[in-house]
N, C-alpha and C. Protein backbone atom coordinates (compact mmCIF):
# COMPACT_ATOMS: atom_id res chain seq x y z
N MET A 1 -4.56 -20.54 -0.84
CA MET A 1 -4.79 -19.48 0.00
C MET A 1 -6.25 -19.04 -0.13
N SER A 2 -7.01 -18.90 0.93
CA SER A 2 -8.36 -18.42 0.82
C SER A 2 -8.40 -16.98 0.63
N LEU A 3 -9.58 -16.56 0.29
CA LEU A 3 -9.83 -15.29 -0.25
C LEU A 3 -9.68 -14.26 1.00
N THR A 4 -10.15 -14.75 2.12
CA THR A 4 -9.85 -13.99 3.39
C THR A 4 -8.49 -13.84 3.87
N SER A 5 -7.80 -14.83 3.74
CA SER A 5 -6.27 -14.66 4.13
C SER A 5 -5.50 -13.79 3.13
N HIS A 6 -6.01 -14.01 1.80
CA HIS A 6 -5.30 -13.11 0.73
C HIS A 6 -5.64 -11.54 0.95
N LEU A 7 -6.86 -11.36 1.43
CA LEU A 7 -7.22 -9.98 1.66
C LEU A 7 -6.53 -9.53 2.90
N GLN A 8 -6.39 -10.28 3.88
CA GLN A 8 -5.61 -9.90 5.12
C GLN A 8 -4.14 -9.61 4.70
N GLU A 9 -3.53 -10.42 3.82
CA GLU A 9 -2.15 -10.10 3.42
C GLU A 9 -2.02 -8.87 2.59
N LEU A 10 -3.09 -8.58 1.78
CA LEU A 10 -3.08 -7.26 1.01
C LEU A 10 -3.17 -6.12 1.89
N ARG A 11 -4.11 -6.25 2.98
CA ARG A 11 -4.26 -5.15 3.97
C ARG A 11 -3.01 -4.87 4.79
N ARG A 12 -2.26 -6.04 5.00
CA ARG A 12 -1.07 -5.82 5.84
C ARG A 12 -0.03 -5.10 4.90
N LYS A 13 0.12 -5.53 3.70
CA LYS A 13 1.06 -4.76 2.74
C LYS A 13 0.73 -3.36 2.57
N HIS A 14 -0.57 -3.13 2.51
CA HIS A 14 -1.05 -1.62 2.36
C HIS A 14 -0.66 -0.93 3.53
N GLN A 15 -0.90 -1.45 4.81
CA GLN A 15 -0.41 -0.79 5.97
C GLN A 15 1.10 -0.48 5.97
N ALA A 16 1.88 -1.51 5.57
CA ALA A 16 3.41 -1.40 5.51
C ALA A 16 3.69 -0.22 4.58
N LEU A 17 3.00 -0.22 3.50
CA LEU A 17 3.29 0.96 2.56
C LEU A 17 3.02 2.27 3.08
N SER A 18 1.87 2.26 3.80
CA SER A 18 1.45 3.60 4.50
C SER A 18 2.55 4.02 5.42
N ASP A 19 3.10 3.04 6.16
CA ASP A 19 4.14 3.38 7.06
C ASP A 19 5.38 3.90 6.32
N GLN A 20 5.65 3.30 5.31
CA GLN A 20 6.91 3.68 4.41
C GLN A 20 6.56 5.05 3.87
N VAL A 21 5.42 5.34 3.43
CA VAL A 21 5.03 6.76 2.87
C VAL A 21 5.27 7.73 4.00
N GLU A 22 4.76 7.45 5.22
CA GLU A 22 4.92 8.46 6.24
C GLU A 22 6.34 8.66 6.63
N GLU A 23 7.15 7.61 6.73
CA GLU A 23 8.52 7.74 6.97
C GLU A 23 9.30 8.53 5.95
N ALA A 24 8.98 8.20 4.64
CA ALA A 24 9.67 8.83 3.53
C ALA A 24 9.33 10.41 3.48
N GLN A 25 8.11 10.76 3.95
CA GLN A 25 7.75 12.13 3.87
C GLN A 25 8.38 12.89 5.05
N ARG A 26 8.72 12.22 6.13
CA ARG A 26 9.47 12.93 7.21
C ARG A 26 10.88 13.03 6.86
N ASN A 27 11.36 12.27 5.96
CA ASN A 27 12.90 12.16 5.67
C ASN A 27 13.13 13.19 4.53
N PRO A 28 13.82 14.26 4.79
CA PRO A 28 14.05 15.29 3.71
C PRO A 28 14.97 14.70 2.61
N ALA A 29 15.68 13.69 2.82
CA ALA A 29 16.58 13.16 1.86
C ALA A 29 15.75 12.33 0.72
N THR A 30 14.51 11.97 1.02
CA THR A 30 13.72 11.08 0.09
C THR A 30 13.11 12.02 -0.99
N ASP A 31 13.42 11.59 -2.11
CA ASP A 31 12.92 12.49 -3.30
C ASP A 31 11.35 12.17 -3.56
N ALA A 32 10.81 13.19 -4.37
CA ALA A 32 9.32 13.13 -4.65
C ALA A 32 8.99 11.99 -5.46
N LEU A 33 9.82 11.46 -6.30
CA LEU A 33 9.46 10.32 -7.18
C LEU A 33 9.41 9.09 -6.36
N THR A 34 10.20 8.88 -5.40
CA THR A 34 10.13 7.76 -4.50
C THR A 34 8.82 7.67 -3.75
N ILE A 35 8.50 8.84 -3.18
CA ILE A 35 7.19 8.96 -2.49
C ILE A 35 6.02 8.62 -3.43
N ALA A 36 6.11 9.25 -4.67
CA ALA A 36 4.91 9.03 -5.55
C ALA A 36 4.91 7.56 -6.00
N ASP A 37 5.97 6.88 -6.01
CA ASP A 37 5.97 5.46 -6.42
C ASP A 37 5.36 4.62 -5.29
N LEU A 38 5.73 4.95 -4.07
CA LEU A 38 5.08 4.20 -2.84
C LEU A 38 3.66 4.42 -2.89
N LYS A 39 3.16 5.69 -3.16
CA LYS A 39 1.74 6.10 -3.20
C LYS A 39 0.95 5.26 -4.25
N LYS A 40 1.63 5.18 -5.34
CA LYS A 40 1.04 4.37 -6.50
C LYS A 40 0.82 2.94 -6.10
N GLN A 41 1.97 2.26 -5.45
CA GLN A 41 1.77 0.98 -5.09
C GLN A 41 0.69 0.74 -4.05
N LYS A 42 0.66 1.69 -3.18
CA LYS A 42 -0.48 1.61 -2.20
C LYS A 42 -1.84 1.79 -2.80
N LEU A 43 -2.01 2.60 -3.76
CA LEU A 43 -3.29 2.76 -4.39
C LEU A 43 -3.62 1.50 -5.19
N ARG A 44 -2.65 0.83 -5.80
CA ARG A 44 -2.84 -0.38 -6.51
C ARG A 44 -3.43 -1.47 -5.58
N LEU A 45 -2.80 -1.54 -4.35
CA LEU A 45 -3.27 -2.49 -3.37
C LEU A 45 -4.60 -2.24 -2.94
N LYS A 46 -4.88 -1.01 -2.59
CA LYS A 46 -6.25 -0.52 -2.19
C LYS A 46 -7.29 -0.88 -3.26
N GLU A 47 -7.00 -0.66 -4.50
CA GLU A 47 -8.02 -1.02 -5.51
C GLU A 47 -8.17 -2.55 -5.70
N GLU A 48 -7.13 -3.37 -5.50
CA GLU A 48 -7.24 -4.72 -5.53
C GLU A 48 -8.05 -5.30 -4.25
N ILE A 49 -7.72 -4.67 -3.06
CA ILE A 49 -8.56 -5.00 -1.96
C ILE A 49 -9.95 -4.71 -2.15
N HIS A 50 -10.33 -3.63 -2.73
CA HIS A 50 -11.73 -3.28 -3.01
C HIS A 50 -12.31 -4.17 -4.00
N ARG A 51 -11.69 -4.51 -5.01
CA ARG A 51 -12.03 -5.32 -6.13
C ARG A 51 -12.48 -6.70 -5.44
N LEU A 52 -11.47 -7.38 -4.74
CA LEU A 52 -11.75 -8.54 -4.22
C LEU A 52 -12.87 -8.60 -3.12
N SER A 53 -12.98 -7.53 -2.47
CA SER A 53 -14.01 -7.51 -1.34
C SER A 53 -15.44 -7.38 -1.84
N ALA A 54 -15.63 -6.90 -3.14
CA ALA A 54 -16.85 -6.59 -3.77
C ALA A 54 -17.22 -7.98 -4.40
N GLN A 55 -16.40 -8.96 -4.56
CA GLN A 55 -16.81 -10.22 -5.11
C GLN A 55 -17.64 -11.11 -4.28
């Protein structure tokens, strides 16, 4: 897998997590820990994207 395609996949996953966070925040049945976990996953992906882009 090339770096470009890997970055595209990471960005796709980041966007999917963004969508999940938005949906979870709209759903009152979703607990705060679940939302926090999704946000942490999203942040890890963002950091990885930034790290790989800087290379």
